[in-house]
Amino acid sequence: MKPSPHRRGSRRPLPVLLIAILVAACSGPSGDELFVYSARHYDTDTQLFDDFTAQTGIRVRLLQGNSDELLERLNREGVASPADVLITVDAGRLWRAEQAGVLQPVESEVLAERVPAHLRHPNGYWFGFSQRLRLIYYNRDAFDPGQVTTYEDLADPSLDGRICVRSSNNIYNQSLLASMVSHHGAAAATEWARGLVANLARAPQGGDTDQILGVAAGECELGVANHYYYVRLLNSEDPDRRAAAERVGIIFPNQDDRGLHVNVGGAGVVRGAPNREHAVRFLEYLASDEAQALFAEGNHEYPVVPGIALDPAIEAWGDFRRDQVNVAELGRHNPEAVRIADRVGWR
């Protein structure tokens, strides 16, 4: 039996989908179109679709919603779905879509060449097109960053009452815990999660930005969040938020061993895609230099293709070691990660 595609705590009624239909001007025939279901909500994604249309003459129709909503819709529609492509964030969600049987494998020389092997599904069910780093943040005035150099250190009893982290219902934390299962096994990952929970300064609350702001405000000395939330604060028009970011430093974990935890935003071709050829062409476009630059610009993410210009804030961080485990492993271990979080009381 395949695991449920729904994450714990998602039984409440699904809100109405936000639907946007993009009919970009094009020179192709009226039936030459592509239907995309997307969980991304960035202005630059509109540029992605417009640019694809300008290059190919294929119109893009778009339906937006959060990942769980879109997966629920695809399950309900089955092979009658009009969707050609699913775009979502986090390997855990891509894995759930694969397990639900809503994606089909793709073979493409372009994608095999341009998307690194560890950032795509081994059998081509989905491909990562942007990289997301889960970093550790510290209060510059209250914490010596030399005390923590790995994710494993977050479970050290010396950090009792000093860490902020959001709920384990969050897919980003599930994937981080899944990476601990992948590298150390379920028993060791359970002990790590138990130690992390024991070190929390407050009950899990809010999103990634709230963890960084909690560190800045002195509510905790350490926090865990994806890198682009920090960059958003640095680039904020609100001077108080920029000042908060300046009070926070970054730790790039596990630089002496496997490297820091990496996740992806990615896409796959829907199982019954009416326009499969266009869908594959669109995925290949997402790996192009032009599209990769838009991914980087839209959410301060790291491209998957080397050599693409980065946001100046993250360009300044320089290079660092990243975990090379295939991100599909994060999805495969997601159910175990959820069970572990339940067992140790990470709510």
C-alpha atoms as a PDB file:
ATOM      1  CA  MET A   1       0.000   0.000   0.000  1.00  0.00           C
ATOM      2  CA  LYS A   2       1.367   3.419  -0.925  1.00  0.00           C
ATOM      3  CA  PRO A   3       1.767   5.982   1.846  1.00  0.00           C
ATOM      4  CA  SER A   4      -0.842   8.698   2.058  1.00  0.00           C
ATOM      5  CA  PRO A   5       0.132  11.789   0.045  1.00  0.00           C
ATOM      6  CA  HIS A   6      -1.216  14.042   2.782  1.00  0.00           C
ATOM      7  CA  ARG A   7       0.878  15.363   5.607  1.00  0.00           C
ATOM      8  CA  ARG A   8      -0.162  15.019   9.222  1.00  0.00           C
ATOM      9  CA  GLY A   9      -2.689  17.597  10.312  1.00  0.00           C
ATOM     10  CA  SER A  10      -4.140  18.221   6.847  1.00  0.00           C
ATOM     11  CA  ARG A  11      -7.649  16.801   7.327  1.00  0.00           C
ATOM     12  CA  ARG A  12      -9.372  20.156   7.599  1.00  0.00           C
ATOM     13  CA  PRO A  13     -11.401  21.184   4.528  1.00  0.00           C
ATOM     14  CA  LEU A  14      -9.257  22.534   1.730  1.00  0.00           C
ATOM     15  CA  PRO A  15      -9.732  26.218   0.938  1.00  0.00           C
ATOM     16  CA  VAL A  16     -10.793  27.320  -2.493  1.00  0.00           C
ATOM     17  CA  LEU A  17      -7.980  27.277  -5.033  1.00  0.00           C
ATOM     18  CA  LEU A  18      -6.654  30.538  -6.336  1.00  0.00           C
ATOM     19  CA  ILE A  19      -7.060  30.198 -10.090  1.00  0.00           C
ATOM     20  CA  ALA A  20      -5.284  32.371 -12.605  1.00  0.00           C
ATOM     21  CA  ILE A  21      -5.457  31.782 -16.333  1.00  0.00           C
ATOM     22  CA  LEU A  22      -2.602  33.166 -18.340  1.00  0.00           C
ATOM     23  CA  VAL A  23      -3.226  33.405 -22.071  1.00  0.00           C
ATOM     24  CA  ALA A  24       0.039  34.813 -23.313  1.00  0.00           C
ATOM     25  CA  ALA A  25       0.147  36.339 -26.766  1.00  0.00           C
ATOM     26  CA  CYS A  26       1.630  33.891 -29.212  1.00  0.00           C
ATOM     27  CA  SER A  27       1.847  33.016 -32.847  1.00  0.00           C
ATOM     28  CA  GLY A  28       0.865  29.360 -32.472  1.00  0.00           C
ATOM     29  CA  PRO A  29      -2.528  27.819 -33.246  1.00  0.00           C
ATOM     30  CA  SER A  30      -5.382  28.089 -30.746  1.00  0.00           C
ATOM     31  CA  GLY A  31      -4.892  24.493 -29.518  1.00  0.00           C
ATOM     32  CA  ASP A  32      -1.152  24.929 -28.958  1.00  0.00           C
ATOM     33  CA  GLU A  33      -1.168  25.274 -25.177  1.00  0.00           C
ATOM     34  CA  LEU A  34       0.157  23.948 -21.897  1.00  0.00           C
ATOM     35  CA  PHE A  35      -1.760  23.695 -18.607  1.00  0.00           C
ATOM     36  CA  VAL A  36       0.377  24.162 -15.490  1.00  0.00           C
ATOM     37  CA  TYR A  37      -0.657  23.514 -11.873  1.00  0.00           C
ATOM     38  CA  SER A  38       1.735  25.522  -9.701  1.00  0.00           C
ATOM     39  CA  ALA A  39       2.317  25.920  -5.964  1.00  0.00           C
ATOM     40  CA  ARG A  40       4.787  28.756  -6.573  1.00  0.00           C
ATOM     41  CA  HIS A  41       3.506  32.319  -6.189  1.00  0.00           C
ATOM     42  CA  TYR A  42       6.257  34.657  -7.354  1.00  0.00           C
ATOM     43  CA  ASP A  43       5.891  37.529  -9.814  1.00  0.00           C
ATOM     44  CA  THR A  44       8.871  36.343 -11.819  1.00  0.00           C
ATOM     45  CA  ASP A  45       7.087  33.068 -12.565  1.00  0.00           C
ATOM     46  CA  THR A  46       4.822  35.061 -14.871  1.00  0.00           C
ATOM     47  CA  GLN A  47       7.978  36.021 -16.740  1.00  0.00           C
ATOM     48  CA  LEU A  48       8.864  32.321 -16.985  1.00  0.00           C
ATOM     49  CA  PHE A  49       5.582  31.550 -18.691  1.00  0.00           C
ATOM     50  CA  ASP A  50       5.713  34.604 -20.951  1.00  0.00           C
ATOM     51  CA  ASP A  51       9.272  33.829 -22.002  1.00  0.00           C
ATOM     52  CA  PHE A  52       8.416  30.205 -22.733  1.00  0.00           C
ATOM     53  CA  THR A  53       5.513  31.344 -24.904  1.00  0.00           C
ATOM     54  CA  ALA A  54       7.690  33.871 -26.728  1.00  0.00           C
ATOM     55  CA  GLN A  55      10.242  31.163 -27.513  1.00  0.00           C
ATOM     56  CA  THR A  56       7.856  28.367 -28.479  1.00  0.00           C
ATOM     57  CA  GLY A  57       4.480  29.878 -29.419  1.00  0.00           C
ATOM     58  CA  ILE A  58       2.849  27.633 -26.784  1.00  0.00           C
ATOM     59  CA  ARG A  59       0.291  29.400 -24.607  1.00  0.00           C
ATOM     60  CA  VAL A  60       0.419  28.711 -20.854  1.00  0.00           C
ATOM     61  CA  ARG A  61      -2.722  28.263 -18.775  1.00  0.00           C
ATOM     62  CA  LEU A  62      -2.091  28.385 -15.021  1.00  0.00           C
ATOM     63  CA  LEU A  63      -3.899  27.129 -11.952  1.00  0.00           C
ATOM     64  CA  GLN A  64      -2.358  28.125  -8.624  1.00  0.00           C
ATOM     65  CA  GLY A  65      -2.904  26.716  -5.148  1.00  0.00           C
ATOM     66  CA  ASN A  66      -0.880  25.340  -2.290  1.00  0.00           C
ATOM     67  CA  SER A  67       0.771  21.954  -2.759  1.00  0.00           C
ATOM     68  CA  ASP A  68      -1.776  19.928  -0.819  1.00  0.00           C
ATOM     69  CA  GLU A  69      -4.668  21.556  -2.692  1.00  0.00           C
ATOM     70  CA  LEU A  70      -3.135  20.821  -6.059  1.00  0.00           C
ATOM     71  CA  LEU A  71      -2.334  17.216  -5.192  1.00  0.00           C
ATOM     72  CA  GLU A  72      -5.890  16.729  -3.910  1.00  0.00           C
ATOM     73  CA  ARG A  73      -7.221  18.135  -7.176  1.00  0.00           C
ATOM     74  CA  LEU A  74      -4.987  15.896  -9.293  1.00  0.00           C
ATOM     75  CA  ASN A  75      -6.075  12.854  -7.289  1.00  0.00           C
ATOM     76  CA  ARG A  76      -9.714  13.783  -7.792  1.00  0.00           C
ATOM     77  CA  GLU A  77      -9.338  14.461 -11.515  1.00  0.00           C
ATOM     78  CA  GLY A  78      -7.339  11.304 -12.234  1.00  0.00           C
ATOM     79  CA  VAL A  79      -6.469  10.627 -15.857  1.00  0.00           C
ATOM     80  CA  ALA A  80      -9.117  13.164 -16.900  1.00  0.00           C
ATOM     81  CA  SER A  81      -7.053  16.030 -15.474  1.00  0.00           C
ATOM     82  CA  PRO A  82      -6.302  18.831 -17.934  1.00  0.00           C
ATOM     83  CA  ALA A  83      -2.963  19.425 -16.185  1.00  0.00           C
ATOM     84  CA  ASP A  84       0.271  18.851 -18.088  1.00  0.00           C
ATOM     85  CA  VAL A  85       2.830  19.976 -15.489  1.00  0.00           C
ATOM     86  CA  LEU A  86       2.901  20.129 -11.687  1.00  0.00           C
ATOM     87  CA  ILE A  87       5.256  22.658 -10.071  1.00  0.00           C
ATOM     88  CA  THR A  88       5.738  22.463  -6.313  1.00  0.00           C
ATOM     89  CA  VAL A  89       8.330  23.012  -3.588  1.00  0.00           C
ATOM     90  CA  ASP A  90      10.245  20.523  -1.460  1.00  0.00           C
ATOM     91  CA  ALA A  91      11.275  17.005  -2.389  1.00  0.00           C
ATOM     92  CA  GLY A  92       8.828  15.699   0.220  1.00  0.00           C
ATOM     93  CA  ARG A  93       5.889  17.088  -1.726  1.00  0.00           C
ATOM     94  CA  LEU A  94       7.287  15.913  -5.050  1.00  0.00           C
ATOM     95  CA  TRP A  95       7.632  12.446  -3.533  1.00  0.00           C
ATOM     96  CA  ARG A  96       4.005  12.546  -2.374  1.00  0.00           C
ATOM     97  CA  ALA A  97       2.907  13.409  -5.898  1.00  0.00           C
ATOM     98  CA  GLU A  98       4.984  10.515  -7.263  1.00  0.00           C
ATOM     99  CA  GLN A  99       3.557   8.112  -4.665  1.00  0.00           C
ATOM    100  CA  ALA A 100       0.019   9.236  -5.473  1.00  0.00           C
ATOM    101  CA  GLY A 101       0.643   8.208  -9.069  1.00  0.00           C
ATOM    102  CA  VAL A 102      -0.035  11.622 -10.569  1.00  0.00           C
ATOM    103  CA  LEU A 103       3.346  11.965 -12.319  1.00  0.00           C
ATOM    104  CA  GLN A 104       4.945  10.088 -15.199  1.00  0.00           C
ATOM    105  CA  PRO A 105       8.637   9.463 -15.925  1.00  0.00           C
ATOM    106  CA  VAL A 106      10.474  11.618 -18.435  1.00  0.00           C
ATOM    107  CA  GLU A 107      13.639  10.877 -20.389  1.00  0.00           C
ATOM    108  CA  SER A 108      15.421  13.957 -21.700  1.00  0.00           C
ATOM    109  CA  GLU A 109      19.034  14.431 -22.692  1.00  0.00           C
ATOM    110  CA  VAL A 110      18.707  18.152 -21.931  1.00  0.00           C
ATOM    111  CA  LEU A 111      17.476  17.565 -18.386  1.00  0.00           C
ATOM    112  CA  ALA A 112      20.000  14.789 -17.757  1.00  0.00           C
ATOM    113  CA  GLU A 113      22.803  17.094 -18.825  1.00  0.00           C
ATOM    114  CA  ARG A 114      21.721  20.285 -17.058  1.00  0.00           C
ATOM    115  CA  VAL A 115      20.090  19.116 -13.810  1.00  0.00           C
ATOM    116  CA  PRO A 116      22.587  17.435 -11.454  1.00  0.00           C
ATOM    117  CA  ALA A 117      21.722  13.806 -10.704  1.00  0.00           C
ATOM    118  CA  HIS A 118      21.249  14.346  -6.965  1.00  0.00           C
ATOM    119  CA  LEU A 119      18.688  17.114  -7.612  1.00  0.00           C
ATOM    120  CA  ARG A 120      16.284  15.009  -9.696  1.00  0.00           C
ATOM    121  CA  HIS A 121      14.332  11.804  -9.334  1.00  0.00           C
ATOM    122  CA  PRO A 122      16.444   8.797 -10.378  1.00  0.00           C
ATOM    123  CA  ASN A 123      13.700   7.609 -12.758  1.00  0.00           C
ATOM    124  CA  GLY A 124      12.724  11.014 -14.114  1.00  0.00           C
ATOM    125  CA  TYR A 125       9.410  11.495 -12.307  1.00  0.00           C
ATOM    126  CA  TRP A 126      10.428  15.030 -11.315  1.00  0.00           C
ATOM    127  CA  PHE A 127      13.324  17.458 -11.588  1.00  0.00           C
ATOM    128  CA  GLY A 128      14.626  20.108  -9.211  1.00  0.00           C
ATOM    129  CA  PHE A 129      14.977  23.575 -10.751  1.00  0.00           C
ATOM    130  CA  SER A 130      15.949  25.659  -7.715  1.00  0.00           C
ATOM    131  CA  GLN A 131      17.923  24.925  -4.562  1.00  0.00           C
ATOM    132  CA  ARG A 132      16.857  25.831  -1.028  1.00  0.00           C
ATOM    133  CA  LEU A 133      19.345  25.730   1.841  1.00  0.00           C
ATOM    134  CA  ARG A 134      18.220  25.093   5.424  1.00  0.00           C
ATOM    135  CA  LEU A 135      20.597  27.109   7.578  1.00  0.00           C
ATOM    136  CA  ILE A 136      21.182  27.791  11.262  1.00  0.00           C
ATOM    137  CA  TYR A 137      20.965  31.398  12.487  1.00  0.00           C
ATOM    138  CA  TYR A 138      22.428  32.848  15.679  1.00  0.00           C
ATOM    139  CA  ASN A 139      22.123  36.035  17.698  1.00  0.00           C
ATOM    140  CA  ARG A 140      25.375  37.927  17.150  1.00  0.00           C
ATOM    141  CA  ASP A 141      25.276  39.500  20.632  1.00  0.00           C
ATOM    142  CA  ALA A 142      24.379  36.400  22.623  1.00  0.00           C
ATOM    143  CA  PHE A 143      25.875  33.338  20.959  1.00  0.00           C
ATOM    144  CA  ASP A 144      29.329  32.107  19.989  1.00  0.00           C
ATOM    145  CA  PRO A 145      28.856  30.431  16.575  1.00  0.00           C
ATOM    146  CA  GLY A 146      31.828  28.167  17.266  1.00  0.00           C
ATOM    147  CA  GLN A 147      29.572  26.176  19.605  1.00  0.00           C
ATOM    148  CA  VAL A 148      27.526  24.817  16.698  1.00  0.00           C
ATOM    149  CA  THR A 149      29.032  23.545  13.455  1.00  0.00           C
ATOM    150  CA  THR A 150      26.575  20.770  12.521  1.00  0.00           C
ATOM    151  CA  TYR A 151      22.862  20.055  12.576  1.00  0.00           C
ATOM    152  CA  GLU A 152      23.705  17.262  15.012  1.00  0.00           C
ATOM    153  CA  ASP A 153      24.973  19.879  17.495  1.00  0.00           C
ATOM    154  CA  LEU A 154      21.453  21.277  17.850  1.00  0.00           C
ATOM    155  CA  ALA A 155      20.635  18.290  20.073  1.00  0.00           C
ATOM    156  CA  ASP A 156      23.481  19.001  22.508  1.00  0.00           C
ATOM    157  CA  PRO A 157      22.138  19.430  26.077  1.00  0.00           C
ATOM    158  CA  SER A 158      24.273  22.586  26.480  1.00  0.00           C
ATOM    159  CA  LEU A 159      21.756  24.340  24.203  1.00  0.00           C
ATOM    160  CA  ASP A 160      18.816  23.757  26.545  1.00  0.00           C
ATOM    161  CA  GLY A 161      16.217  26.508  26.101  1.00  0.00           C
ATOM    162  CA  ARG A 162      18.129  28.316  23.360  1.00  0.00           C
ATOM    163  CA  ILE A 163      16.609  27.212  20.007  1.00  0.00           C
ATOM    164  CA  CYS A 164      13.646  28.417  17.930  1.00  0.00           C
ATOM    165  CA  VAL A 165      12.165  26.134  15.274  1.00  0.00           C
ATOM    166  CA  ARG A 166       8.772  25.908  13.611  1.00  0.00           C
ATOM    167  CA  SER A 167       6.333  22.994  13.791  1.00  0.00           C
ATOM    168  CA  SER A 168       7.202  19.542  12.496  1.00  0.00           C
ATOM    169  CA  ASN A 169       4.026  19.806  10.405  1.00  0.00           C
ATOM    170  CA  ASN A 170       6.159  21.980   8.149  1.00  0.00           C
ATOM    171  CA  ILE A 171       7.523  20.048   5.170  1.00  0.00           C
ATOM    172  CA  TYR A 172      10.926  21.790   5.398  1.00  0.00           C
ATOM    173  CA  ASN A 173      11.493  20.409   8.899  1.00  0.00           C
ATOM    174  CA  GLN A 174      10.209  17.010   7.854  1.00  0.00           C
ATOM    175  CA  SER A 175      12.794  16.936   5.068  1.00  0.00           C
ATOM    176  CA  LEU A 176      15.589  18.015   7.413  1.00  0.00           C
ATOM    177  CA  LEU A 177      14.635  15.204   9.769  1.00  0.00           C
ATOM    178  CA  ALA A 178      14.397  12.840   6.787  1.00  0.00           C
ATOM    179  CA  SER A 179      17.976  13.746   5.905  1.00  0.00           C
ATOM    180  CA  MET A 180      19.025  12.703   9.419  1.00  0.00           C
ATOM    181  CA  VAL A 181      17.283   9.351   8.855  1.00  0.00           C
ATOM    182  CA  SER A 182      19.096   8.994   5.536  1.00  0.00           C
ATOM    183  CA  HIS A 183      22.525   9.677   7.018  1.00  0.00           C
ATOM    184  CA  HIS A 184      22.237   8.144  10.487  1.00  0.00           C
ATOM    185  CA  GLY A 185      19.270   5.759  10.527  1.00  0.00           C
ATOM    186  CA  ALA A 186      15.915   6.061  12.270  1.00  0.00           C
ATOM    187  CA  ALA A 187      17.149   5.327  15.812  1.00  0.00           C
ATOM    188  CA  ALA A 188      19.849   8.018  15.746  1.00  0.00           C
ATOM    189  CA  ALA A 189      17.496  10.471  14.034  1.00  0.00           C
ATOM    190  CA  THR A 190      14.959   9.876  16.811  1.00  0.00           C
ATOM    191  CA  GLU A 191      17.520  10.696  19.486  1.00  0.00           C
ATOM    192  CA  TRP A 192      18.529  13.826  17.575  1.00  0.00           C
ATOM    193  CA  ALA A 193      14.926  15.003  17.288  1.00  0.00           C
ATOM    194  CA  ARG A 194      14.331  14.295  20.969  1.00  0.00           C
ATOM    195  CA  GLY A 195      17.382  16.377  21.874  1.00  0.00           C
ATOM    196  CA  LEU A 196      16.310  19.214  19.595  1.00  0.00           C
ATOM    197  CA  VAL A 197      12.853  19.342  21.164  1.00  0.00           C
ATOM    198  CA  ALA A 198      14.404  19.398  24.642  1.00  0.00           C
ATOM    199  CA  ASN A 199      16.441  22.458  23.647  1.00  0.00           C
ATOM    200  CA  LEU A 200      13.558  24.619  22.393  1.00  0.00           C
ATOM    201  CA  ALA A 201      13.243  28.097  23.865  1.00  0.00           C
ATOM    202  CA  ARG A 202       9.517  28.208  23.097  1.00  0.00           C
ATOM    203  CA  ALA A 203       6.816  26.002  21.633  1.00  0.00           C
ATOM    204  CA  PRO A 204       7.088  25.773  17.829  1.00  0.00           C
ATOM    205  CA  GLN A 205       5.197  28.645  16.252  1.00  0.00           C
ATOM    206  CA  GLY A 206       5.068  30.744  13.093  1.00  0.00           C
ATOM    207  CA  GLY A 207       6.992  30.332   9.872  1.00  0.00           C
ATOM    208  CA  ASP A 208      10.662  30.488   8.968  1.00  0.00           C
ATOM    209  CA  THR A 209      10.778  34.288   9.136  1.00  0.00           C
ATOM    210  CA  ASP A 210       9.437  34.152  12.705  1.00  0.00           C
ATOM    211  CA  GLN A 211      12.330  31.923  13.770  1.00  0.00           C
ATOM    212  CA  ILE A 212      14.867  34.433  12.428  1.00  0.00           C
ATOM    213  CA  LEU A 213      13.044  37.353  14.044  1.00  0.00           C
ATOM    214  CA  GLY A 214      12.910  35.406  17.301  1.00  0.00           C
ATOM    215  CA  VAL A 215      16.690  35.076  17.194  1.00  0.00           C
ATOM    216  CA  ALA A 216      17.074  38.781  16.436  1.00  0.00           C
ATOM    217  CA  ALA A 217      14.779  39.720  19.328  1.00  0.00           C
ATOM    218  CA  GLY A 218      16.648  37.533  21.814  1.00  0.00           C
ATOM    219  CA  GLU A 219      13.733  35.137  22.362  1.00  0.00           C
ATOM    220  CA  CYS A 220      16.195  32.418  21.409  1.00  0.00           C
ATOM    221  CA  GLU A 221      19.877  32.315  20.508  1.00  0.00           C
ATOM    222  CA  LEU A 222      19.595  29.913  17.565  1.00  0.00           C
ATOM    223  CA  GLY A 223      17.005  29.290  14.860  1.00  0.00           C
ATOM    224  CA  VAL A 224      16.540  27.118  11.775  1.00  0.00           C
ATOM    225  CA  ALA A 225      15.138  28.492   8.500  1.00  0.00           C
ATOM    226  CA  ASN A 226      15.556  28.377   4.724  1.00  0.00           C
ATOM    227  CA  HIS A 227      18.088  30.841   3.383  1.00  0.00           C
ATOM    228  CA  TYR A 228      15.769  32.992   1.258  1.00  0.00           C
ATOM    229  CA  TYR A 229      13.677  34.081   4.250  1.00  0.00           C
ATOM    230  CA  TYR A 230      16.792  35.723   5.637  1.00  0.00           C
ATOM    231  CA  VAL A 231      17.569  37.386   2.308  1.00  0.00           C
ATOM    232  CA  ARG A 232      14.018  38.759   2.167  1.00  0.00           C
ATOM    233  CA  LEU A 233      14.629  40.420   5.530  1.00  0.00           C
ATOM    234  CA  LEU A 234      17.940  41.857   4.326  1.00  0.00           C
ATOM    235  CA  ASN A 235      16.211  43.258   1.230  1.00  0.00           C
ATOM    236  CA  SER A 236      13.089  44.456   3.041  1.00  0.00           C
ATOM    237  CA  GLU A 237      11.809  47.995   2.574  1.00  0.00           C
ATOM    238  CA  ASP A 238      11.077  48.021   6.310  1.00  0.00           C
ATOM    239  CA  PRO A 239      14.179  49.333   8.129  1.00  0.00           C
ATOM    240  CA  ASP A 240      13.240  47.449  11.312  1.00  0.00           C
ATOM    241  CA  ARG A 241      13.261  44.137   9.478  1.00  0.00           C
ATOM    242  CA  ARG A 242      16.589  44.933   7.837  1.00  0.00           C
ATOM    243  CA  ALA A 243      18.000  45.853  11.244  1.00  0.00           C
ATOM    244  CA  ALA A 244      16.718  42.555  12.650  1.00  0.00           C
ATOM    245  CA  ALA A 245      18.526  40.649   9.922  1.00  0.00           C
ATOM    246  CA  GLU A 246      21.751  42.504  10.710  1.00  0.00           C
ATOM    247  CA  ARG A 247      21.556  41.285  14.317  1.00  0.00           C
ATOM    248  CA  VAL A 248      21.568  37.692  13.079  1.00  0.00           C
ATOM    249  CA  GLY A 249      24.534  35.684  11.834  1.00  0.00           C
ATOM    250  CA  ILE A 250      24.534  32.526   9.695  1.00  0.00           C
ATOM    251  CA  ILE A 251      26.029  29.119  10.373  1.00  0.00           C
ATOM    252  CA  PHE A 252      26.632  26.895   7.336  1.00  0.00           C
ATOM    253  CA  PRO A 253      26.448  23.440   8.950  1.00  0.00           C
ATOM    254  CA  ASN A 254      28.457  20.268   8.377  1.00  0.00           C
ATOM    255  CA  GLN A 255      31.197  21.826   6.292  1.00  0.00           C
ATOM    256  CA  ASP A 256      33.720  19.285   7.572  1.00  0.00           C
ATOM    257  CA  ASP A 257      31.655  16.271   6.524  1.00  0.00           C
ATOM    258  CA  ARG A 258      28.585  15.814   4.283  1.00  0.00           C
ATOM    259  CA  GLY A 259      27.702  19.488   3.762  1.00  0.00           C
ATOM    260  CA  LEU A 260      24.583  21.494   4.515  1.00  0.00           C
ATOM    261  CA  HIS A 261      21.035  20.316   3.852  1.00  0.00           C
ATOM    262  CA  VAL A 262      19.692  21.131   0.373  1.00  0.00           C
ATOM    263  CA  ASN A 263      16.120  20.873  -0.873  1.00  0.00           C
ATOM    264  CA  VAL A 264      14.518  21.811  -4.180  1.00  0.00           C
ATOM    265  CA  GLY A 265      11.633  23.473  -5.897  1.00  0.00           C
ATOM    266  CA  GLY A 266      10.764  21.257  -8.822  1.00  0.00           C
ATOM    267  CA  ALA A 267       8.333  20.034 -11.446  1.00  0.00           C
ATOM    268  CA  GLY A 268       7.140  16.910 -13.183  1.00  0.00           C
ATOM    269  CA  VAL A 269       4.907  15.894 -16.075  1.00  0.00           C
ATOM    270  CA  VAL A 270       1.410  14.883 -14.968  1.00  0.00           C
ATOM    271  CA  ARG A 271       0.459  11.243 -15.630  1.00  0.00           C
ATOM    272  CA  GLY A 272      -2.256  11.876 -18.217  1.00  0.00           C
ATOM    273  CA  ALA A 273      -0.809  15.106 -19.643  1.00  0.00           C
ATOM    274  CA  PRO A 274      -2.847  15.959 -22.780  1.00  0.00           C
ATOM    275  CA  ASN A 275       0.139  17.896 -24.136  1.00  0.00           C
ATOM    276  CA  ARG A 276       3.031  15.700 -23.060  1.00  0.00           C
ATOM    277  CA  GLU A 277       5.459  16.902 -25.725  1.00  0.00           C
ATOM    278  CA  HIS A 278       4.876  20.513 -24.702  1.00  0.00           C
ATOM    279  CA  ALA A 279       5.244  19.547 -21.040  1.00  0.00           C
ATOM    280  CA  VAL A 280       8.662  17.982 -21.583  1.00  0.00           C
ATOM    281  CA  ARG A 281       9.702  21.005 -23.622  1.00  0.00           C
ATOM    282  CA  PHE A 282       8.612  23.248 -20.756  1.00  0.00           C
ATOM    283  CA  LEU A 283      10.706  21.288 -18.224  1.00  0.00           C
ATOM    284  CA  GLU A 284      13.687  21.597 -20.557  1.00  0.00           C
ATOM    285  CA  TYR A 285      13.040  25.326 -20.745  1.00  0.00           C
ATOM    286  CA  LEU A 286      13.070  25.534 -16.919  1.00  0.00           C
ATOM    287  CA  ALA A 287      16.651  24.232 -17.052  1.00  0.00           C
ATOM    288  CA  SER A 288      17.713  26.946 -19.512  1.00  0.00           C
ATOM    289  CA  ASP A 289      19.988  29.813 -18.471  1.00  0.00           C
ATOM    290  CA  GLU A 290      17.148  32.323 -18.897  1.00  0.00           C
ATOM    291  CA  ALA A 291      14.721  30.410 -16.694  1.00  0.00           C
ATOM    292  CA  GLN A 292      17.344  29.598 -14.095  1.00  0.00           C
ATOM    293  CA  ALA A 293      18.132  33.310 -13.754  1.00  0.00           C
ATOM    294  CA  LEU A 294      14.437  34.000 -13.125  1.00  0.00           C
ATOM    295  CA  PHE A 295      14.309  31.306 -10.425  1.00  0.00           C
ATOM    296  CA  ALA A 296      17.245  32.994  -8.723  1.00  0.00           C
ATOM    297  CA  GLU A 297      15.719  36.450  -9.062  1.00  0.00           C
ATOM    298  CA  GLY A 298      12.196  35.553  -8.003  1.00  0.00           C
ATOM    299  CA  ASN A 299      12.890  34.087  -4.557  1.00  0.00           C
ATOM    300  CA  HIS A 300      16.631  34.495  -3.963  1.00  0.00           C
ATOM    301  CA  GLU A 301      17.057  30.756  -4.551  1.00  0.00           C
ATOM    302  CA  TYR A 302      20.128  28.987  -5.873  1.00  0.00           C
ATOM    303  CA  PRO A 303      19.840  27.767  -9.477  1.00  0.00           C
ATOM    304  CA  VAL A 304      20.553  24.104 -10.147  1.00  0.00           C
ATOM    305  CA  VAL A 305      22.596  24.925 -13.249  1.00  0.00           C
ATOM    306  CA  PRO A 306      26.112  26.222 -12.470  1.00  0.00           C
ATOM    307  CA  GLY A 307      27.242  29.637 -13.641  1.00  0.00           C
ATOM    308  CA  ILE A 308      23.955  31.536 -13.196  1.00  0.00           C
ATOM    309  CA  ALA A 309      24.197  34.940 -11.500  1.00  0.00           C
ATOM    310  CA  LEU A 310      23.055  34.928  -7.870  1.00  0.00           C
ATOM    311  CA  ASP A 311      21.352  37.497  -5.692  1.00  0.00           C
ATOM    312  CA  PRO A 312      24.172  39.780  -4.434  1.00  0.00           C
ATOM    313  CA  ALA A 313      23.365  38.929  -0.808  1.00  0.00           C
ATOM    314  CA  ILE A 314      23.966  35.203  -1.296  1.00  0.00           C
ATOM    315  CA  GLU A 315      26.802  35.769  -3.773  1.00  0.00           C
ATOM    316  CA  ALA A 316      28.632  37.387  -0.845  1.00  0.00           C
ATOM    317  CA  TRP A 317      28.419  34.150   1.153  1.00  0.00           C
ATOM    318  CA  GLY A 318      30.839  32.470  -1.219  1.00  0.00           C
ATOM    319  CA  ASP A 319      31.016  28.748  -1.848  1.00  0.00           C
ATOM    320  CA  PHE A 320      30.386  25.949   0.631  1.00  0.00           C
ATOM    321  CA  ARG A 321      29.915  22.206   0.795  1.00  0.00           C
ATOM    322  CA  ARG A 322      26.382  20.912   0.133  1.00  0.00           C
ATOM    323  CA  ASP A 323      24.925  17.511   0.888  1.00  0.00           C
ATOM    324  CA  GLN A 324      25.034  15.356  -2.254  1.00  0.00           C
ATOM    325  CA  VAL A 325      22.422  12.830  -1.134  1.00  0.00           C
ATOM    326  CA  ASN A 326      19.761  12.441  -3.815  1.00  0.00           C
ATOM    327  CA  VAL A 327      16.886  14.654  -2.705  1.00  0.00           C
ATOM    328  CA  ALA A 328      14.464  11.835  -3.579  1.00  0.00           C
ATOM    329  CA  GLU A 329      15.763  10.226  -0.361  1.00  0.00           C
ATOM    330  CA  LEU A 330      14.165  13.078   1.586  1.00  0.00           C
ATOM    331  CA  GLY A 331      10.785  12.078   0.222  1.00  0.00           C
ATOM    332  CA  ARG A 332      11.345   8.367   0.724  1.00  0.00           C
ATOM    333  CA  HIS A 333      12.088   8.945   4.412  1.00  0.00           C
ATOM    334  CA  ASN A 334       9.278  11.458   4.924  1.00  0.00           C
ATOM    335  CA  PRO A 335       6.822   8.997   6.548  1.00  0.00           C
ATOM    336  CA  GLU A 336       9.492   7.885   9.022  1.00  0.00           C
ATOM    337  CA  ALA A 337      10.349  11.516   9.779  1.00  0.00           C
ATOM    338  CA  VAL A 338       6.696  12.266  10.554  1.00  0.00           C
ATOM    339  CA  ARG A 339       6.493   9.241  12.860  1.00  0.00           C
ATOM    340  CA  ILE A 340       9.665  10.289  14.657  1.00  0.00           C
ATOM    341  CA  ALA A 341       8.400  13.824  15.203  1.00  0.00           C
ATOM    342  CA  ASP A 342       5.203  12.406  16.698  1.00  0.00           C
ATOM    343  CA  ARG A 343       7.105  10.062  19.012  1.00  0.00           C
ATOM    344  CA  VAL A 344       9.351  12.787  20.439  1.00  0.00           C
ATOM    345  CA  GLY A 345       6.594  15.377  20.835  1.00  0.00           C
ATOM    346  CA  TRP A 346       7.771  17.789  18.161  1.00  0.00           C
ATOM    347  CA  ARG A 347       4.421  19.440  17.467  1.00  0.00           C
END
